[in-house]
Amino acid sequence: MAPKYGRGLGNEIIDAINKGKLKEPISAQDVKNHMNSNGWYPPENYLNVFLANSSSPDHSKNFKKIFKRVDEGKYVLKRIR
């Protein structure tokens, strides 16, 4: 089982964006820097895959789509309307 980062990687990213600790659009490097500053060290490949899978409509239907890809390696939080 993958280690849990805080309340979970997705939850921590959403919280950081909402609190202004991460500025959109975010990249895997932005997330890595933020996570590292909290003492969490997820593998960079895991961050890349997490962001890509969290924005891909073609990835598993069970995977939460919380980001929208706006450019190569850049993502924004999907806002519920």
N, C-alpha and C. Protein backbone atom coordinates (compact mmCIF):
# COMPACT_ATOMS: atom_id res chain seq x y z
N MET A 1 0.84 -1.17 0.00
CA MET A 1 0.00 0.00 0.00
C MET A 1 0.90 1.24 0.00
N ALA A 2 0.52 2.23 -0.79
CA ALA A 2 1.29 3.46 -0.86
C ALA A 2 1.16 4.23 0.45
N PRO A 3 2.23 4.92 0.86
CA PRO A 3 2.13 5.70 2.09
C PRO A 3 1.14 6.85 1.92
N LYS A 4 0.53 7.26 3.02
CA LYS A 4 -0.42 8.37 2.97
C LYS A 4 0.33 9.64 3.37
N TYR A 5 0.10 10.68 2.62
CA TYR A 5 0.74 11.96 2.87
C TYR A 5 -0.28 12.89 3.52
N GLY A 6 -0.13 13.12 4.83
CA GLY A 6 -1.09 13.94 5.54
C GLY A 6 -2.46 13.30 5.48
N ARG A 7 -3.44 14.04 4.97
CA ARG A 7 -4.81 13.52 4.84
C ARG A 7 -5.03 12.87 3.48
N GLY A 8 -3.94 12.63 2.77
CA GLY A 8 -3.99 12.08 1.42
C GLY A 8 -3.48 13.12 0.44
N LEU A 9 -2.79 12.68 -0.58
CA LEU A 9 -2.15 13.60 -1.52
C LEU A 9 -3.14 14.58 -2.13
N GLY A 10 -4.26 14.08 -2.64
CA GLY A 10 -5.25 14.95 -3.26
C GLY A 10 -5.80 15.98 -2.30
N ASN A 11 -6.15 15.53 -1.09
CA ASN A 11 -6.68 16.45 -0.09
C ASN A 11 -5.67 17.52 0.30
N GLU A 12 -4.42 17.13 0.42
CA GLU A 12 -3.37 18.10 0.78
C GLU A 12 -3.15 19.12 -0.33
N ILE A 13 -3.20 18.69 -1.58
CA ILE A 13 -3.04 19.62 -2.70
C ILE A 13 -4.22 20.59 -2.76
N ILE A 14 -5.43 20.07 -2.64
CA ILE A 14 -6.62 20.93 -2.66
C ILE A 14 -6.55 21.96 -1.54
N ASP A 15 -6.20 21.52 -0.35
CA ASP A 15 -6.10 22.42 0.80
C ASP A 15 -5.04 23.51 0.56
N ALA A 16 -3.90 23.11 0.02
CA ALA A 16 -2.82 24.07 -0.25
C ALA A 16 -3.25 25.11 -1.29
N ILE A 17 -3.97 24.69 -2.30
CA ILE A 17 -4.47 25.63 -3.32
C ILE A 17 -5.48 26.58 -2.68
N ASN A 18 -6.43 26.02 -1.93
CA ASN A 18 -7.47 26.84 -1.31
C ASN A 18 -6.91 27.84 -0.30
N LYS A 19 -5.80 27.50 0.35
CA LYS A 19 -5.18 28.39 1.34
C LYS A 19 -4.12 29.30 0.71
N GLY A 20 -3.92 29.18 -0.61
CA GLY A 20 -2.94 30.03 -1.29
C GLY A 20 -1.50 29.60 -1.14
N LYS A 21 -1.28 28.41 -0.62
CA LYS A 21 0.09 27.90 -0.46
C LYS A 21 0.64 27.36 -1.77
N LEU A 22 -0.23 26.96 -2.67
CA LEU A 22 0.13 26.56 -4.03
C LEU A 22 -0.65 27.46 -4.98
N LYS A 23 0.05 28.03 -5.96
CA LYS A 23 -0.58 28.91 -6.94
C LYS A 23 -0.82 28.13 -8.22
N GLU A 24 -2.02 28.29 -8.77
CA GLU A 24 -2.38 27.62 -10.02
C GLU A 24 -1.89 28.41 -11.21
N PRO A 25 -1.55 27.73 -12.29
CA PRO A 25 -1.54 26.28 -12.44
C PRO A 25 -0.37 25.66 -11.68
N ILE A 26 -0.57 24.43 -11.22
CA ILE A 26 0.46 23.73 -10.47
C ILE A 26 1.15 22.71 -11.37
N SER A 27 2.36 22.37 -10.98
CA SER A 27 3.12 21.32 -11.67
C SER A 27 3.53 20.29 -10.63
N ALA A 28 4.05 19.18 -11.08
CA ALA A 28 4.53 18.15 -10.16
C ALA A 28 5.64 18.72 -9.28
N GLN A 29 6.48 19.59 -9.83
CA GLN A 29 7.56 20.19 -9.04
C GLN A 29 7.00 21.09 -7.94
N ASP A 30 5.95 21.85 -8.26
CA ASP A 30 5.31 22.69 -7.24
C ASP A 30 4.78 21.83 -6.10
N VAL A 31 4.11 20.74 -6.45
CA VAL A 31 3.54 19.86 -5.44
C VAL A 31 4.66 19.21 -4.64
N LYS A 32 5.72 18.78 -5.31
CA LYS A 32 6.86 18.16 -4.63
C LYS A 32 7.46 19.12 -3.61
N ASN A 33 7.67 20.38 -4.00
CA ASN A 33 8.23 21.37 -3.09
C ASN A 33 7.33 21.58 -1.87
N HIS A 34 6.03 21.67 -2.13
CA HIS A 34 5.08 21.86 -1.03
C HIS A 34 5.08 20.64 -0.10
N MET A 35 5.02 19.46 -0.66
CA MET A 35 5.00 18.25 0.15
C MET A 35 6.28 18.12 0.97
N ASN A 36 7.42 18.37 0.33
CA ASN A 36 8.70 18.28 1.03
C ASN A 36 8.77 19.26 2.20
N SER A 37 8.18 20.46 2.02
CA SER A 37 8.20 21.45 3.10
C SER A 37 7.37 20.99 4.30
N ASN A 38 6.49 20.02 4.08
CA ASN A 38 5.70 19.43 5.17
C ASN A 38 6.29 18.12 5.68
N GLY A 39 7.47 17.78 5.20
CA GLY A 39 8.12 16.55 5.66
C GLY A 39 7.65 15.29 4.97
N TRP A 40 6.95 15.46 3.82
CA TRP A 40 6.49 14.31 3.04
C TRP A 40 7.31 14.24 1.77
N TYR A 41 7.72 13.04 1.39
CA TYR A 41 8.62 12.87 0.24
C TYR A 41 8.09 11.85 -0.76
N PRO A 42 6.98 12.16 -1.42
CA PRO A 42 6.47 11.24 -2.44
C PRO A 42 7.41 11.20 -3.64
N PRO A 43 7.57 10.05 -4.26
CA PRO A 43 8.40 9.95 -5.46
C PRO A 43 7.87 10.88 -6.57
N GLU A 44 8.78 11.50 -7.30
CA GLU A 44 8.38 12.44 -8.35
C GLU A 44 7.50 11.77 -9.40
N ASN A 45 7.81 10.52 -9.75
CA ASN A 45 6.99 9.79 -10.71
C ASN A 45 5.55 9.64 -10.21
N TYR A 46 5.41 9.38 -8.92
CA TYR A 46 4.08 9.26 -8.32
C TYR A 46 3.31 10.57 -8.48
N LEU A 47 3.97 11.70 -8.26
CA LEU A 47 3.31 13.00 -8.42
C LEU A 47 2.88 13.23 -9.86
N ASN A 48 3.75 12.92 -10.81
CA ASN A 48 3.42 13.09 -12.23
C ASN A 48 2.19 12.25 -12.60
N VAL A 49 2.21 11.00 -12.20
CA VAL A 49 1.12 10.09 -12.53
C VAL A 49 -0.16 10.51 -11.81
N PHE A 50 -0.05 10.92 -10.55
CA PHE A 50 -1.23 11.35 -9.80
C PHE A 50 -1.91 12.53 -10.47
N LEU A 51 -1.15 13.54 -10.84
CA LEU A 51 -1.74 14.72 -11.49
C LEU A 51 -2.34 14.35 -12.84
N ALA A 52 -1.62 13.57 -13.63
CA ALA A 52 -2.13 13.18 -14.95
C ALA A 52 -3.40 12.33 -14.82
N ASN A 53 -3.39 11.35 -13.93
CA ASN A 53 -4.56 10.49 -13.76
C ASN A 53 -5.75 11.25 -13.17
N SER A 54 -5.46 12.25 -12.34
CA SER A 54 -6.53 13.04 -11.72
C SER A 54 -7.17 14.03 -12.68
N SER A 55 -6.63 14.10 -13.90
CA SER A 55 -7.19 15.02 -14.88
C SER A 55 -7.64 14.32 -16.15
N SER A 56 -7.35 13.03 -16.27
CA SER A 56 -7.65 12.30 -17.49
C SER A 56 -9.04 11.68 -17.48
N PRO A 57 -9.88 12.06 -18.44
CA PRO A 57 -11.21 11.43 -18.50
C PRO A 57 -11.15 9.97 -18.92
N ASP A 58 -10.01 9.56 -19.48
CA ASP A 58 -9.87 8.19 -19.97
C ASP A 58 -9.31 7.23 -18.92
N HIS A 59 -8.81 7.78 -17.81
CA HIS A 59 -8.27 6.92 -16.77
C HIS A 59 -9.43 6.29 -16.00
N SER A 60 -9.14 5.38 -15.14
CA SER A 60 -10.13 4.63 -14.36
C SER A 60 -11.30 5.50 -13.91
N LYS A 61 -12.48 5.00 -14.08
CA LYS A 61 -13.70 5.72 -13.67
C LYS A 61 -13.77 5.86 -12.15
N ASN A 62 -13.01 5.03 -11.42
CA ASN A 62 -13.01 5.10 -9.96
C ASN A 62 -12.03 6.15 -9.43
N PHE A 63 -11.22 6.73 -10.31
CA PHE A 63 -10.21 7.71 -9.90
C PHE A 63 -10.83 9.10 -9.93
N LYS A 64 -10.77 9.84 -8.83
CA LYS A 64 -11.37 11.17 -8.77
C LYS A 64 -10.68 12.13 -9.74
N LYS A 65 -11.48 12.82 -10.52
CA LYS A 65 -10.97 13.79 -11.49
C LYS A 65 -11.04 15.18 -10.85
N ILE A 66 -10.00 15.53 -10.10
CA ILE A 66 -10.02 16.78 -9.35
C ILE A 66 -9.24 17.90 -10.03
N PHE A 67 -8.50 17.58 -11.10
CA PHE A 67 -7.72 18.59 -11.79
C PHE A 67 -8.10 18.67 -13.26
N LYS A 68 -7.79 19.80 -13.84
CA LYS A 68 -7.94 20.00 -15.27
C LYS A 68 -6.57 20.38 -15.81
N ARG A 69 -6.14 19.68 -16.83
CA ARG A 69 -4.85 19.99 -17.46
C ARG A 69 -5.02 21.21 -18.35
N VAL A 70 -4.17 22.22 -18.13
CA VAL A 70 -4.26 23.46 -18.91
C VAL A 70 -3.08 23.66 -19.85
N ASP A 71 -2.03 22.87 -19.65
CA ASP A 71 -0.83 22.92 -20.49
C ASP A 71 -0.01 21.69 -20.14
N GLU A 72 1.05 21.47 -20.88
CA GLU A 72 1.93 20.33 -20.62
C GLU A 72 2.46 20.40 -19.19
N GLY A 73 2.04 19.45 -18.36
CA GLY A 73 2.52 19.39 -16.98
C GLY A 73 1.95 20.45 -16.06
N LYS A 74 0.92 21.15 -16.48
CA LYS A 74 0.31 22.21 -15.66
C LYS A 74 -1.17 21.91 -15.42
N TYR A 75 -1.61 22.09 -14.19
CA TYR A 75 -2.97 21.69 -13.81
C TYR A 75 -3.61 22.76 -12.93
N VAL A 76 -4.93 22.84 -13.04
CA VAL A 76 -5.72 23.68 -12.14
C VAL A 76 -6.76 22.80 -11.47
N LEU A 77 -7.21 23.23 -10.33
CA LEU A 77 -8.24 22.52 -9.61
C LEU A 77 -9.57 22.68 -10.33
N LYS A 78 -10.27 21.56 -10.52
CA LYS A 78 -11.61 21.63 -11.12
C LYS A 78 -12.54 22.24 -10.09
N ARG A 79 -13.27 23.24 -10.50
CA ARG A 79 -14.23 23.88 -9.60
C ARG A 79 -15.60 23.31 -9.90
N ILE A 80 -16.32 22.94 -8.86
CA ILE A 80 -17.67 22.42 -9.02
C ILE A 80 -18.60 23.62 -9.17
N ARG A 81 -19.42 23.58 -10.20
CA ARG A 81 -20.32 24.71 -10.45
C ARG A 81 -21.71 24.33 -10.07
